[in-house]
Amino acid sequence: MARDYDIDEILYLSQTKGMSAAWIKEELSLSITQRQLQRLIAQRVGRRPTRQAIRMPDTVRSRVVAYMESRGLDQYYCSLCLKRRMEPGFIHALNGDPSLDVLVFVCRHCSVASDR
């Protein structure tokens, strides 16, 4: 069976653009299935992380973090349990006030506990 697709174009869209197999299949009008396309990409570049969030950099979050750090908060220090953590904390509002001054960093444990 002859190939009717360009592997370099598929890899380009997958790696640099971060497009999914479904999107690539639709965009290039490929005759192979999405699963075959996923396997083809995985053979060439390896598997994509599925549990880890794949996100573009968030400019608003980075500005909020910079503001919070300018106020003296550390994103590796939990403001609720008062412990230093290895991973950056989540942004959490202490009350319902719509102001940046009530935001603090909390660890994963305190974030889950405060949501209940």
PDB file of N, CA and C in Angstrom:
ATOM      1  N   MET A   1       0.842  -1.176   0.000  1.00  0.00           N
ATOM      2  CA  MET A   1       0.000   0.000   0.000  1.00  0.00           C
ATOM      3  C   MET A   1       0.890   1.243   0.000  1.00  0.00           C
ATOM      4  N   ALA A   2       0.649   2.133  -0.900  1.00  0.00           N
ATOM      5  CA  ALA A   2       1.462   3.337  -1.036  1.00  0.00           C
ATOM      6  C   ALA A   2       1.010   4.388  -0.020  1.00  0.00           C
ATOM      7  N   ARG A   3       1.991   5.146   0.459  1.00  0.00           N
ATOM      8  CA  ARG A   3       1.669   6.223   1.395  1.00  0.00           C
ATOM      9  C   ARG A   3       1.064   7.393   0.634  1.00  0.00           C
ATOM     10  N   ASP A   4       0.026   7.945   1.168  1.00  0.00           N
ATOM     11  CA  ASP A   4      -0.569   9.127   0.556  1.00  0.00           C
ATOM     12  C   ASP A   4      -0.494  10.325   1.509  1.00  0.00           C
ATOM     13  N   TYR A   5       0.580  10.358   2.306  1.00  0.00           N
ATOM     14  CA  TYR A   5       0.762  11.453   3.249  1.00  0.00           C
ATOM     15  C   TYR A   5       2.242  11.796   3.346  1.00  0.00           C
ATOM     16  N   ASP A   6       2.517  13.003   3.795  1.00  0.00           N
ATOM     17  CA  ASP A   6       3.881  13.482   3.972  1.00  0.00           C
ATOM     18  C   ASP A   6       4.210  13.427   5.465  1.00  0.00           C
ATOM     19  N   ILE A   7       5.101  12.519   5.831  1.00  0.00           N
ATOM     20  CA  ILE A   7       5.429  12.322   7.245  1.00  0.00           C
ATOM     21  C   ILE A   7       6.059  13.570   7.866  1.00  0.00           C
ATOM     22  N   ASP A   8       6.850  14.308   7.084  1.00  0.00           N
ATOM     23  CA  ASP A   8       7.490  15.514   7.614  1.00  0.00           C
ATOM     24  C   ASP A   8       6.458  16.586   7.978  1.00  0.00           C
ATOM     25  N   GLU A   9       5.441  16.720   7.155  1.00  0.00           N
ATOM     26  CA  GLU A   9       4.395  17.695   7.441  1.00  0.00           C
ATOM     27  C   GLU A   9       3.589  17.290   8.678  1.00  0.00           C
ATOM     28  N   ILE A  10       3.329  16.006   8.809  1.00  0.00           N
ATOM     29  CA  ILE A  10       2.607  15.495   9.978  1.00  0.00           C
ATOM     30  C   ILE A  10       3.415  15.742  11.249  1.00  0.00           C
ATOM     31  N   LEU A  11       4.713  15.448  11.205  1.00  0.00           N
ATOM     32  CA  LEU A  11       5.569  15.661  12.372  1.00  0.00           C
ATOM     33  C   LEU A  11       5.687  17.143  12.708  1.00  0.00           C
ATOM     34  N   TYR A  12       5.747  17.982  11.679  1.00  0.00           N
ATOM     35  CA  TYR A  12       5.817  19.426  11.908  1.00  0.00           C
ATOM     36  C   TYR A  12       4.567  19.917  12.644  1.00  0.00           C
ATOM     37  N   LEU A  13       3.400  19.500  12.156  1.00  0.00           N
ATOM     38  CA  LEU A  13       2.151  19.932  12.793  1.00  0.00           C
ATOM     39  C   LEU A  13       2.024  19.388  14.210  1.00  0.00           C
ATOM     40  N   SER A  14       2.507  18.183  14.414  1.00  0.00           N
ATOM     41  CA  SER A  14       2.408  17.560  15.734  1.00  0.00           C
ATOM     42  C   SER A  14       3.361  18.200  16.735  1.00  0.00           C
ATOM     43  N   GLN A  15       4.616  18.383  16.323  1.00  0.00           N
ATOM     44  CA  GLN A  15       5.626  18.872  17.269  1.00  0.00           C
ATOM     45  C   GLN A  15       5.571  20.375  17.472  1.00  0.00           C
ATOM     46  N   THR A  16       5.633  21.141  16.403  1.00  0.00           N
ATOM     47  CA  THR A  16       5.726  22.580  16.558  1.00  0.00           C
ATOM     48  C   THR A  16       4.391  23.237  16.833  1.00  0.00           C
ATOM     49  N   LYS A  17       3.362  22.768  16.209  1.00  0.00           N
ATOM     50  CA  LYS A  17       2.046  23.376  16.393  1.00  0.00           C
ATOM     51  C   LYS A  17       1.253  22.724  17.518  1.00  0.00           C
ATOM     52  N   GLY A  18       1.649  21.513  17.934  1.00  0.00           N
ATOM     53  CA  GLY A  18       0.949  20.831  19.014  1.00  0.00           C
ATOM     54  C   GLY A  18      -0.442  20.354  18.635  1.00  0.00           C
ATOM     55  N   MET A  19      -0.650  20.079  17.364  1.00  0.00           N
ATOM     56  CA  MET A  19      -1.971  19.666  16.892  1.00  0.00           C
ATOM     57  C   MET A  19      -2.236  18.200  17.205  1.00  0.00           C
ATOM     58  N   SER A  20      -3.478  17.878  17.448  1.00  0.00           N
ATOM     59  CA  SER A  20      -3.871  16.503  17.756  1.00  0.00           C
ATOM     60  C   SER A  20      -3.992  15.697  16.469  1.00  0.00           C
ATOM     61  N   ALA A  21      -4.049  14.381  16.633  1.00  0.00           N
ATOM     62  CA  ALA A  21      -4.176  13.490  15.478  1.00  0.00           C
ATOM     63  C   ALA A  21      -5.487  13.748  14.739  1.00  0.00           C
ATOM     64  N   ALA A  22      -6.551  14.005  15.465  1.00  0.00           N
ATOM     65  CA  ALA A  22      -7.848  14.273  14.832  1.00  0.00           C
ATOM     66  C   ALA A  22      -7.786  15.533  13.972  1.00  0.00           C
ATOM     67  N   TRP A  23      -7.142  16.568  14.495  1.00  0.00           N
ATOM     68  CA  TRP A  23      -7.028  17.818  13.757  1.00  0.00           C
ATOM     69  C   TRP A  23      -6.160  17.632  12.523  1.00  0.00           C
ATOM     70  N   ILE A  24      -5.029  16.930  12.664  1.00  0.00           N
ATOM     71  CA  ILE A  24      -4.125  16.697  11.529  1.00  0.00           C
ATOM     72  C   ILE A  24      -4.835  15.890  10.453  1.00  0.00           C
ATOM     73  N   LYS A  25      -5.558  14.861  10.858  1.00  0.00           N
ATOM     74  CA  LYS A  25      -6.285  14.018   9.897  1.00  0.00           C
ATOM     75  C   LYS A  25      -7.293  14.841   9.111  1.00  0.00           C
ATOM     76  N   GLU A  26      -8.018  15.703   9.801  1.00  0.00           N
ATOM     77  CA  GLU A  26      -9.017  16.532   9.132  1.00  0.00           C
ATOM     78  C   GLU A  26      -8.366  17.596   8.254  1.00  0.00           C
ATOM     79  N   GLU A  27      -7.320  18.238   8.765  1.00  0.00           N
ATOM     80  CA  GLU A  27      -6.667  19.329   8.041  1.00  0.00           C
ATOM     81  C   GLU A  27      -6.003  18.846   6.753  1.00  0.00           C
ATOM     82  N   LEU A  28      -5.343  17.689   6.810  1.00  0.00           N
ATOM     83  CA  LEU A  28      -4.624  17.175   5.643  1.00  0.00           C
ATOM     84  C   LEU A  28      -5.459  16.204   4.813  1.00  0.00           C
ATOM     85  N   SER A  29      -6.686  15.950   5.225  1.00  0.00           N
ATOM     86  CA  SER A  29      -7.587  15.013   4.528  1.00  0.00           C
ATOM     87  C   SER A  29      -6.918  13.660   4.315  1.00  0.00           C
ATOM     88  N   LEU A  30      -6.437  13.071   5.406  1.00  0.00           N
ATOM     89  CA  LEU A  30      -5.727  11.794   5.327  1.00  0.00           C
ATOM     90  C   LEU A  30      -6.705  10.626   5.302  1.00  0.00           C
ATOM     91  N   SER A  31      -6.278   9.544   4.662  1.00  0.00           N
ATOM     92  CA  SER A  31      -7.138   8.360   4.574  1.00  0.00           C
ATOM     93  C   SER A  31      -6.866   7.368   5.701  1.00  0.00           C
ATOM     94  N   ILE A  32      -5.825   7.599   6.511  1.00  0.00           N
ATOM     95  CA  ILE A  32      -5.532   6.690   7.618  1.00  0.00           C
ATOM     96  C   ILE A  32      -6.351   7.106   8.837  1.00  0.00           C
ATOM     97  N   THR A  33      -6.505   6.186   9.777  1.00  0.00           N
ATOM     98  CA  THR A  33      -7.304   6.474  10.969  1.00  0.00           C
ATOM     99  C   THR A  33      -6.511   7.323  11.956  1.00  0.00           C
ATOM    100  N   GLN A  34      -7.215   7.891  12.923  1.00  0.00           N
ATOM    101  CA  GLN A  34      -6.555   8.704  13.946  1.00  0.00           C
ATOM    102  C   GLN A  34      -5.580   7.866  14.759  1.00  0.00           C
ATOM    103  N   ARG A  35      -5.965   6.642  15.073  1.00  0.00           N
ATOM    104  CA  ARG A  35      -5.097   5.760  15.862  1.00  0.00           C
ATOM    105  C   ARG A  35      -3.818   5.434  15.097  1.00  0.00           C
ATOM    106  N   GLN A  36      -3.930   5.171  13.787  1.00  0.00           N
ATOM    107  CA  GLN A  36      -2.739   4.921  12.978  1.00  0.00           C
ATOM    108  C   GLN A  36      -1.845   6.154  12.957  1.00  0.00           C
ATOM    109  N   LEU A  37      -2.450   7.311  12.892  1.00  0.00           N
ATOM    110  CA  LEU A  37      -1.700   8.563  12.900  1.00  0.00           C
ATOM    111  C   LEU A  37      -0.992   8.756  14.239  1.00  0.00           C
ATOM    112  N   GLN A  38      -1.667   8.449  15.340  1.00  0.00           N
ATOM    113  CA  GLN A  38      -1.044   8.545  16.662  1.00  0.00           C
ATOM    114  C   GLN A  38       0.150   7.609  16.771  1.00  0.00           C
ATOM    115  N   ARG A  39       0.002   6.391  16.289  1.00  0.00           N
ATOM    116  CA  ARG A  39       1.103   5.422  16.334  1.00  0.00           C
ATOM    117  C   ARG A  39       2.276   5.882  15.479  1.00  0.00           C
ATOM    118  N   LEU A  40       1.983   6.435  14.313  1.00  0.00           N
ATOM    119  CA  LEU A  40       3.019   6.926  13.414  1.00  0.00           C
ATOM    120  C   LEU A  40       3.831   8.041  14.076  1.00  0.00           C
ATOM    121  N   ILE A  41       3.147   8.969  14.719  1.00  0.00           N
ATOM    122  CA  ILE A  41       3.820  10.072  15.407  1.00  0.00           C
ATOM    123  C   ILE A  41       4.609   9.545  16.601  1.00  0.00           C
ATOM    124  N   ALA A  42       4.030   8.618  17.352  1.00  0.00           N
ATOM    125  CA  ALA A  42       4.708   8.061  18.529  1.00  0.00           C
ATOM    126  C   ALA A  42       5.970   7.305  18.136  1.00  0.00           C
ATOM    127  N   GLN A  43       5.970   6.639  16.987  1.00  0.00           N
ATOM    128  CA  GLN A  43       7.160   5.924  16.525  1.00  0.00           C
ATOM    129  C   GLN A  43       8.299   6.888  16.232  1.00  0.00           C
ATOM    130  N   ARG A  44       7.975   8.058  15.700  1.00  0.00           N
ATOM    131  CA  ARG A  44       9.009   9.006  15.281  1.00  0.00           C
ATOM    132  C   ARG A  44       9.496   9.907  16.415  1.00  0.00           C
ATOM    133  N   VAL A  45       8.580  10.408  17.223  1.00  0.00           N
ATOM    134  CA  VAL A  45       8.957  11.404  18.233  1.00  0.00           C
ATOM    135  C   VAL A  45       8.681  10.971  19.660  1.00  0.00           C
ATOM    136  N   GLY A  46       8.072   9.824  19.862  1.00  0.00           N
ATOM    137  CA  GLY A  46       7.739   9.386  21.211  1.00  0.00           C
ATOM    138  C   GLY A  46       6.337   9.827  21.588  1.00  0.00           C
ATOM    139  N   ARG A  47       5.878   9.323  22.710  1.00  0.00           N
ATOM    140  CA  ARG A  47       4.523   9.626  23.165  1.00  0.00           C
ATOM    141  C   ARG A  47       4.443  11.014  23.754  1.00  0.00           C
ATOM    142  N   ARG A  48       3.293  11.616  23.608  1.00  0.00           N
ATOM    143  CA  ARG A  48       3.043  12.906  24.243  1.00  0.00           C
ATOM    144  C   ARG A  48       2.585  12.655  25.668  1.00  0.00           C
ATOM    145  N   PRO A  49       2.908  13.533  26.597  1.00  0.00           N
ATOM    146  CA  PRO A  49       2.432  13.343  27.967  1.00  0.00           C
ATOM    147  C   PRO A  49       0.916  13.464  28.020  1.00  0.00           C
ATOM    148  N   THR A  50       0.280  12.496  28.659  1.00  0.00           N
ATOM    149  CA  THR A  50      -1.177  12.524  28.731  1.00  0.00           C
ATOM    150  C   THR A  50      -1.671  12.993  30.090  1.00  0.00           C
ATOM    151  N   ARG A  51      -0.944  12.721  31.125  1.00  0.00           N
ATOM    152  CA  ARG A  51      -1.389  13.139  32.458  1.00  0.00           C
ATOM    153  C   ARG A  51      -0.937  14.552  32.787  1.00  0.00           C
ATOM    154  N   GLN A  52       0.169  14.949  32.230  1.00  0.00           N
ATOM    155  CA  GLN A  52       0.680  16.282  32.482  1.00  0.00           C
ATOM    156  C   GLN A  52      -0.076  17.278  31.611  1.00  0.00           C
ATOM    157  N   ALA A  53      -0.447  18.385  32.178  1.00  0.00           N
ATOM    158  CA  ALA A  53      -1.180  19.386  31.414  1.00  0.00           C
ATOM    159  C   ALA A  53      -0.292  19.961  30.322  1.00  0.00           C
ATOM    160  N   ILE A  54      -0.834  20.037  29.141  1.00  0.00           N
ATOM    161  CA  ILE A  54      -0.115  20.634  28.024  1.00  0.00           C
ATOM    162  C   ILE A  54      -0.752  21.995  27.807  1.00  0.00           C
ATOM    163  N   ARG A  55      -0.060  23.039  28.249  1.00  0.00           N
ATOM    164  CA  ARG A  55      -0.641  24.366  28.174  1.00  0.00           C
ATOM    165  C   ARG A  55       0.337  25.342  27.549  1.00  0.00           C
ATOM    166  N   MET A  56      -0.211  26.314  26.908  1.00  0.00           N
ATOM    167  CA  MET A  56       0.584  27.414  26.399  1.00  0.00           C
ATOM    168  C   MET A  56       0.882  28.331  27.589  1.00  0.00           C
ATOM    169  N   PRO A  57       1.973  29.083  27.531  1.00  0.00           N
ATOM    170  CA  PRO A  57       2.267  30.009  28.620  1.00  0.00           C
ATOM    171  C   PRO A  57       1.142  31.031  28.788  1.00  0.00           C
ATOM    172  N   ASP A  58       0.742  31.255  30.023  1.00  0.00           N
ATOM    173  CA  ASP A  58      -0.361  32.159  30.325  1.00  0.00           C
ATOM    174  C   ASP A  58       0.204  33.503  30.764  1.00  0.00           C
ATOM    175  N   THR A  59       0.020  34.537  29.938  1.00  0.00           N
ATOM    176  CA  THR A  59       0.599  35.844  30.253  1.00  0.00           C
ATOM    177  C   THR A  59      -0.098  36.505  31.436  1.00  0.00           C
ATOM    178  N   VAL A  60      -1.394  36.288  31.586  1.00  0.00           N
ATOM    179  CA  VAL A  60      -2.112  36.895  32.711  1.00  0.00           C
ATOM    180  C   VAL A  60      -1.634  36.288  34.024  1.00  0.00           C
ATOM    181  N   ARG A  61      -1.493  34.957  34.063  1.00  0.00           N
ATOM    182  CA  ARG A  61      -1.037  34.294  35.284  1.00  0.00           C
ATOM    183  C   ARG A  61       0.375  34.751  35.646  1.00  0.00           C
ATOM    184  N   SER A  62       1.244  34.872  34.649  1.00  0.00           N
ATOM    185  CA  SER A  62       2.616  35.290  34.941  1.00  0.00           C
ATOM    186  C   SER A  62       2.648  36.712  35.493  1.00  0.00           C
ATOM    187  N   ARG A  63       1.749  37.573  35.034  1.00  0.00           N
ATOM    188  CA  ARG A  63       1.687  38.934  35.576  1.00  0.00           C
ATOM    189  C   ARG A  63       1.149  38.943  37.006  1.00  0.00           C
ATOM    190  N   VAL A  64       0.156  38.105  37.268  1.00  0.00           N
ATOM    191  CA  VAL A  64      -0.396  38.012  38.626  1.00  0.00           C
ATOM    192  C   VAL A  64       0.666  37.465  39.576  1.00  0.00           C
ATOM    193  N   VAL A  65       1.409  36.436  39.146  1.00  0.00           N
ATOM    194  CA  VAL A  65       2.478  35.870  39.972  1.00  0.00           C
ATOM    195  C   VAL A  65       3.550  36.922  40.232  1.00  0.00           C
ATOM    196  N   ALA A  66       3.918  37.693  39.220  1.00  0.00           N
ATOM    197  CA  ALA A  66       4.920  38.751  39.400  1.00  0.00           C
ATOM    198  C   ALA A  66       4.431  39.795  40.405  1.00  0.00           C
ATOM    199  N   TYR A  67       3.146  40.161  40.341  1.00  0.00           N
ATOM    200  CA  TYR A  67       2.587  41.114  41.297  1.00  0.00           C
ATOM    201  C   TYR A  67       2.611  40.543  42.708  1.00  0.00           C
ATOM    202  N   MET A  68       2.216  39.276  42.843  1.00  0.00           N
ATOM    203  CA  MET A  68       2.194  38.647  44.164  1.00  0.00           C
ATOM    204  C   MET A  68       3.601  38.538  44.738  1.00  0.00           C
ATOM    205  N   GLU A  69       4.582  38.219  43.896  1.00  0.00           N
ATOM    206  CA  GLU A  69       5.964  38.140  44.370  1.00  0.00           C
ATOM    207  C   GLU A  69       6.498  39.516  44.739  1.00  0.00           C
ATOM    208  N   SER A  70       6.040  40.566  44.052  1.00  0.00           N
ATOM    209  CA  SER A  70       6.468  41.920  44.412  1.00  0.00           C
ATOM    210  C   SER A  70       5.905  42.330  45.771  1.00  0.00           C
ATOM    211  N   ARG A  71       4.788  41.698  46.190  1.00  0.00           N
ATOM    212  CA  ARG A  71       4.220  41.939  47.518  1.00  0.00           C
ATOM    213  C   ARG A  71       4.918  41.124  48.598  1.00  0.00           C
ATOM    214  N   GLY A  72       5.884  40.285  48.209  1.00  0.00           N
ATOM    215  CA  GLY A  72       6.636  39.521  49.193  1.00  0.00           C
ATOM    216  C   GLY A  72       6.217  38.074  49.328  1.00  0.00           C
ATOM    217  N   LEU A  73       5.276  37.613  48.519  1.00  0.00           N
ATOM    218  CA  LEU A  73       4.853  36.215  48.578  1.00  0.00           C
ATOM    219  C   LEU A  73       5.798  35.354  47.745  1.00  0.00           C
ATOM    220  N   ASP A  74       5.969  34.110  48.169  1.00  0.00           N
ATOM    221  CA  ASP A  74       6.820  33.154  47.459  1.00  0.00           C
ATOM    222  C   ASP A  74       5.933  32.036  46.935  1.00  0.00           C
ATOM    223  N   GLN A  75       6.035  31.735  45.643  1.00  0.00           N
ATOM    224  CA  GLN A  75       5.143  30.722  45.076  1.00  0.00           C
ATOM    225  C   GLN A  75       5.494  29.309  45.516  1.00  0.00           C
ATOM    226  N   TYR A  76       6.608  29.117  46.199  1.00  0.00           N
ATOM    227  CA  TYR A  76       6.985  27.804  46.724  1.00  0.00           C
ATOM    228  C   TYR A  76       6.683  27.679  48.221  1.00  0.00           C
ATOM    229  N   TYR A  77       6.031  28.683  48.794  1.00  0.00           N
ATOM    230  CA  TYR A  77       5.697  28.690  50.218  1.00  0.00           C
ATOM    231  C   TYR A  77       4.178  28.763  50.366  1.00  0.00           C
ATOM    232  N   CYS A  78       3.603  27.781  51.049  1.00  0.00           N
ATOM    233  CA  CYS A  78       2.150  27.727  51.233  1.00  0.00           C
ATOM    234  C   CYS A  78       1.743  28.681  52.355  1.00  0.00           C
ATOM    235  N   SER A  79       0.817  29.560  52.065  1.00  0.00           N
ATOM    236  CA  SER A  79       0.366  30.546  53.048  1.00  0.00           C
ATOM    237  C   SER A  79      -0.615  29.973  54.062  1.00  0.00           C
ATOM    238  N   LEU A  80      -1.171  28.790  53.805  1.00  0.00           N
ATOM    239  CA  LEU A  80      -2.123  28.196  54.742  1.00  0.00           C
ATOM    240  C   LEU A  80      -1.452  27.253  55.735  1.00  0.00           C
ATOM    241  N   CYS A  81      -0.633  26.319  55.243  1.00  0.00           N
ATOM    242  CA  CYS A  81       0.022  25.376  56.160  1.00  0.00           C
ATOM    243  C   CYS A  81       1.420  25.855  56.565  1.00  0.00           C
ATOM    244  N   LEU A  82       1.868  26.957  55.986  1.00  0.00           N
ATOM    245  CA  LEU A  82       3.148  27.594  56.321  1.00  0.00           C
ATOM    246  C   LEU A  82       4.345  26.667  56.109  1.00  0.00           C
ATOM    247  N   LYS A  83       4.314  25.908  55.026  1.00  0.00           N
ATOM    248  CA  LYS A  83       5.420  25.010  54.687  1.00  0.00           C
ATOM    249  C   LYS A  83       5.945  25.336  53.301  1.00  0.00           C
ATOM    250  N   ARG A  84       7.235  25.105  53.140  1.00  0.00           N
ATOM    251  CA  ARG A  84       7.873  25.289  51.835  1.00  0.00           C
ATOM    252  C   ARG A  84       7.685  24.014  51.022  1.00  0.00           C
ATOM    253  N   ARG A  85       7.364  24.151  49.744  1.00  0.00           N
ATOM    254  CA  ARG A  85       7.103  23.010  48.865  1.00  0.00           C
ATOM    255  C   ARG A  85       8.091  22.994  47.704  1.00  0.00           C
ATOM    256  N   MET A  86       8.206  21.827  47.056  1.00  0.00           N
ATOM    257  CA  MET A  86       9.113  21.675  45.921  1.00  0.00           C
ATOM    258  C   MET A  86       8.499  22.186  44.616  1.00  0.00           C
ATOM    259  N   GLU A  87       7.177  22.162  44.518  1.00  0.00           N
ATOM    260  CA  GLU A  87       6.514  22.605  43.293  1.00  0.00           C
ATOM    261  C   GLU A  87       5.792  23.920  43.547  1.00  0.00           C
ATOM    262  N   PRO A  88       5.625  24.742  42.515  1.00  0.00           N
ATOM    263  CA  PRO A  88       4.946  26.023  42.723  1.00  0.00           C
ATOM    264  C   PRO A  88       3.504  25.829  43.170  1.00  0.00           C
ATOM    265  N   GLY A  89       3.040  26.751  43.982  1.00  0.00           N
ATOM    266  CA  GLY A  89       1.697  26.633  44.533  1.00  0.00           C
ATOM    267  C   GLY A  89       0.614  27.147  43.602  1.00  0.00           C
ATOM    268  N   PHE A  90      -0.618  26.860  43.996  1.00  0.00           N
ATOM    269  CA  PHE A  90      -1.789  27.347  43.277  1.00  0.00           C
ATOM    270  C   PHE A  90      -2.140  28.733  43.803  1.00  0.00           C
ATOM    271  N   ILE A  91      -2.763  29.531  42.968  1.00  0.00           N
ATOM    272  CA  ILE A  91      -3.230  30.846  43.402  1.00  0.00           C
ATOM    273  C   ILE A  91      -4.616  30.668  44.017  1.00  0.00           C
ATOM    274  N   HIS A  92      -4.781  31.202  45.227  1.00  0.00           N
ATOM    275  CA  HIS A  92      -6.023  31.004  45.976  1.00  0.00           C
ATOM    276  C   HIS A  92      -6.454  32.343  46.580  1.00  0.00           C
ATOM    277  N   ALA A  93      -7.741  32.643  46.516  1.00  0.00           N
ATOM    278  CA  ALA A  93      -8.275  33.863  47.118  1.00  0.00           C
ATOM    279  C   ALA A  93      -8.714  33.559  48.547  1.00  0.00           C
ATOM    280  N   LEU A  94      -8.343  34.417  49.480  1.00  0.00           N
ATOM    281  CA  LEU A  94      -8.700  34.201  50.883  1.00  0.00           C
ATOM    282  C   LEU A  94     -10.178  34.449  51.140  1.00  0.00           C
ATOM    283  N   ASN A  95     -10.771  35.394  50.439  1.00  0.00           N
ATOM    284  CA  ASN A  95     -12.203  35.650  50.577  1.00  0.00           C
ATOM    285  C   ASN A  95     -12.756  36.049  49.213  1.00  0.00           C
ATOM    286  N   GLY A  96     -13.994  36.461  49.170  1.00  0.00           N
ATOM    287  CA  GLY A  96     -14.641  36.779  47.905  1.00  0.00           C
ATOM    288  C   GLY A  96     -14.350  38.164  47.360  1.00  0.00           C
ATOM    289  N   ASP A  97     -13.414  38.874  47.959  1.00  0.00           N
ATOM    290  CA  ASP A  97     -13.089  40.226  47.525  1.00  0.00           C
ATOM    291  C   ASP A  97     -12.449  40.198  46.130  1.00  0.00           C
ATOM    292  N   PRO A  98     -12.974  40.957  45.165  1.00  0.00           N
ATOM    293  CA  PRO A  98     -12.401  40.936  43.808  1.00  0.00           C
ATOM    294  C   PRO A  98     -11.166  41.829  43.688  1.00  0.00           C
ATOM    295  N   SER A  99     -10.141  41.516  44.441  1.00  0.00           N
ATOM    296  CA  SER A  99      -8.918  42.303  44.445  1.00  0.00           C
ATOM    297  C   SER A  99      -7.717  41.366  44.384  1.00  0.00           C
ATOM    298  N   LEU A 100      -6.632  41.847  43.826  1.00  0.00           N
ATOM    299  CA  LEU A 100      -5.413  41.035  43.767  1.00  0.00           C
ATOM    300  C   LEU A 100      -4.734  40.926  45.128  1.00  0.00           C
ATOM    301  N   ASP A 101      -5.098  41.811  46.052  1.00  0.00           N
ATOM    302  CA  ASP A 101      -4.440  41.824  47.356  1.00  0.00           C
ATOM    303  C   ASP A 101      -4.852  40.664  48.255  1.00  0.00           C
ATOM    304  N   VAL A 102      -5.923  39.954  47.938  1.00  0.00           N
ATOM    305  CA  VAL A 102      -6.357  38.826  48.768  1.00  0.00           C
ATOM    306  C   VAL A 102      -5.829  37.494  48.238  1.00  0.00           C
ATOM    307  N   LEU A 103      -5.063  37.517  47.160  1.00  0.00           N
ATOM    308  CA  LEU A 103      -4.539  36.281  46.582  1.00  0.00           C
ATOM    309  C   LEU A 103      -3.295  35.810  47.323  1.00  0.00           C
ATOM    310  N   VAL A 104      -3.215  34.500  47.555  1.00  0.00           N
ATOM    311  CA  VAL A 104      -2.051  33.877  48.188  1.00  0.00           C
ATOM    312  C   VAL A 104      -1.717  32.597  47.433  1.00  0.00           C
ATOM    313  N   PHE A 105      -0.528  32.076  47.671  1.00  0.00           N
ATOM    314  CA  PHE A 105      -0.128  30.792  47.109  1.00  0.00           C
ATOM    315  C   PHE A 105      -0.426  29.693  48.117  1.00  0.00           C
ATOM    316  N   VAL A 106      -1.021  28.596  47.656  1.00  0.00           N
ATOM    317  CA  VAL A 106      -1.281  27.442  48.512  1.00  0.00           C
ATOM    318  C   VAL A 106      -0.760  26.185  47.833  1.00  0.00           C
ATOM    319  N   CYS A 107      -0.412  25.188  48.642  1.00  0.00           N
ATOM    320  CA  CYS A 107       0.089  23.921  48.106  1.00  0.00           C
ATOM    321  C   CYS A 107      -1.075  23.065  47.618  1.00  0.00           C
ATOM    322  N   ARG A 108      -0.758  21.953  46.992  1.00  0.00           N
ATOM    323  CA  ARG A 108      -1.781  21.053  46.449  1.00  0.00           C
ATOM    324  C   ARG A 108      -2.686  20.512  47.562  1.00  0.00           C
ATOM    325  N   HIS A 109      -2.103  20.160  48.694  1.00  0.00           N
ATOM    326  CA  HIS A 109      -2.874  19.602  49.804  1.00  0.00           C
ATOM    327  C   HIS A 109      -3.874  20.621  50.352  1.00  0.00           C
ATOM    328  N   CYS A 110      -3.422  21.828  50.584  1.00  0.00           N
ATOM    329  CA  CYS A 110      -4.307  22.865  51.127  1.00  0.00           C
ATOM    330  C   CYS A 110      -5.337  23.324  50.098  1.00  0.00           C
ATOM    331  N   SER A 111      -4.995  23.283  48.838  1.00  0.00           N
ATOM    332  CA  SER A 111      -5.933  23.668  47.785  1.00  0.00           C
ATOM    333  C   SER A 111      -7.109  22.710  47.736  1.00  0.00           C
ATOM    334  N   VAL A 112      -6.836  21.424  47.833  1.00  0.00           N
ATOM    335  CA  VAL A 112      -7.900  20.417  47.817  1.00  0.00           C
ATOM    336  C   VAL A 112      -8.724  20.507  49.091  1.00  0.00           C
ATOM    337  N   ALA A 113      -8.074  20.716  50.239  1.00  0.00           N
ATOM    338  CA  ALA A 113      -8.776  20.787  51.519  1.00  0.00           C
ATOM    339  C   ALA A 113      -9.676  22.017  51.591  1.00  0.00           C
ATOM    340  N   SER A 114      -9.259  23.119  50.990  1.00  0.00           N
ATOM    341  CA  SER A 114     -10.061  24.340  51.073  1.00  0.00           C
ATOM    342  C   SER A 114     -11.225  24.339  50.098  1.00  0.00           C
ATOM    343  N   ASP A 115     -11.221  23.444  49.112  1.00  0.00           N
ATOM    344  CA  ASP A 115     -12.317  23.378  48.149  1.00  0.00           C
ATOM    345  C   ASP A 115     -13.537  22.668  48.703  1.00  0.00           C
ATOM    346  N   ARG A 116     -13.389  21.939  49.778  1.00  0.00           N
ATOM    347  CA  ARG A 116     -14.504  21.154  50.331  1.00  0.00           C
ATOM    348  C   ARG A 116     -15.491  21.982  51.073  1.00  0.00           C
TER     349      ARG A 116
END
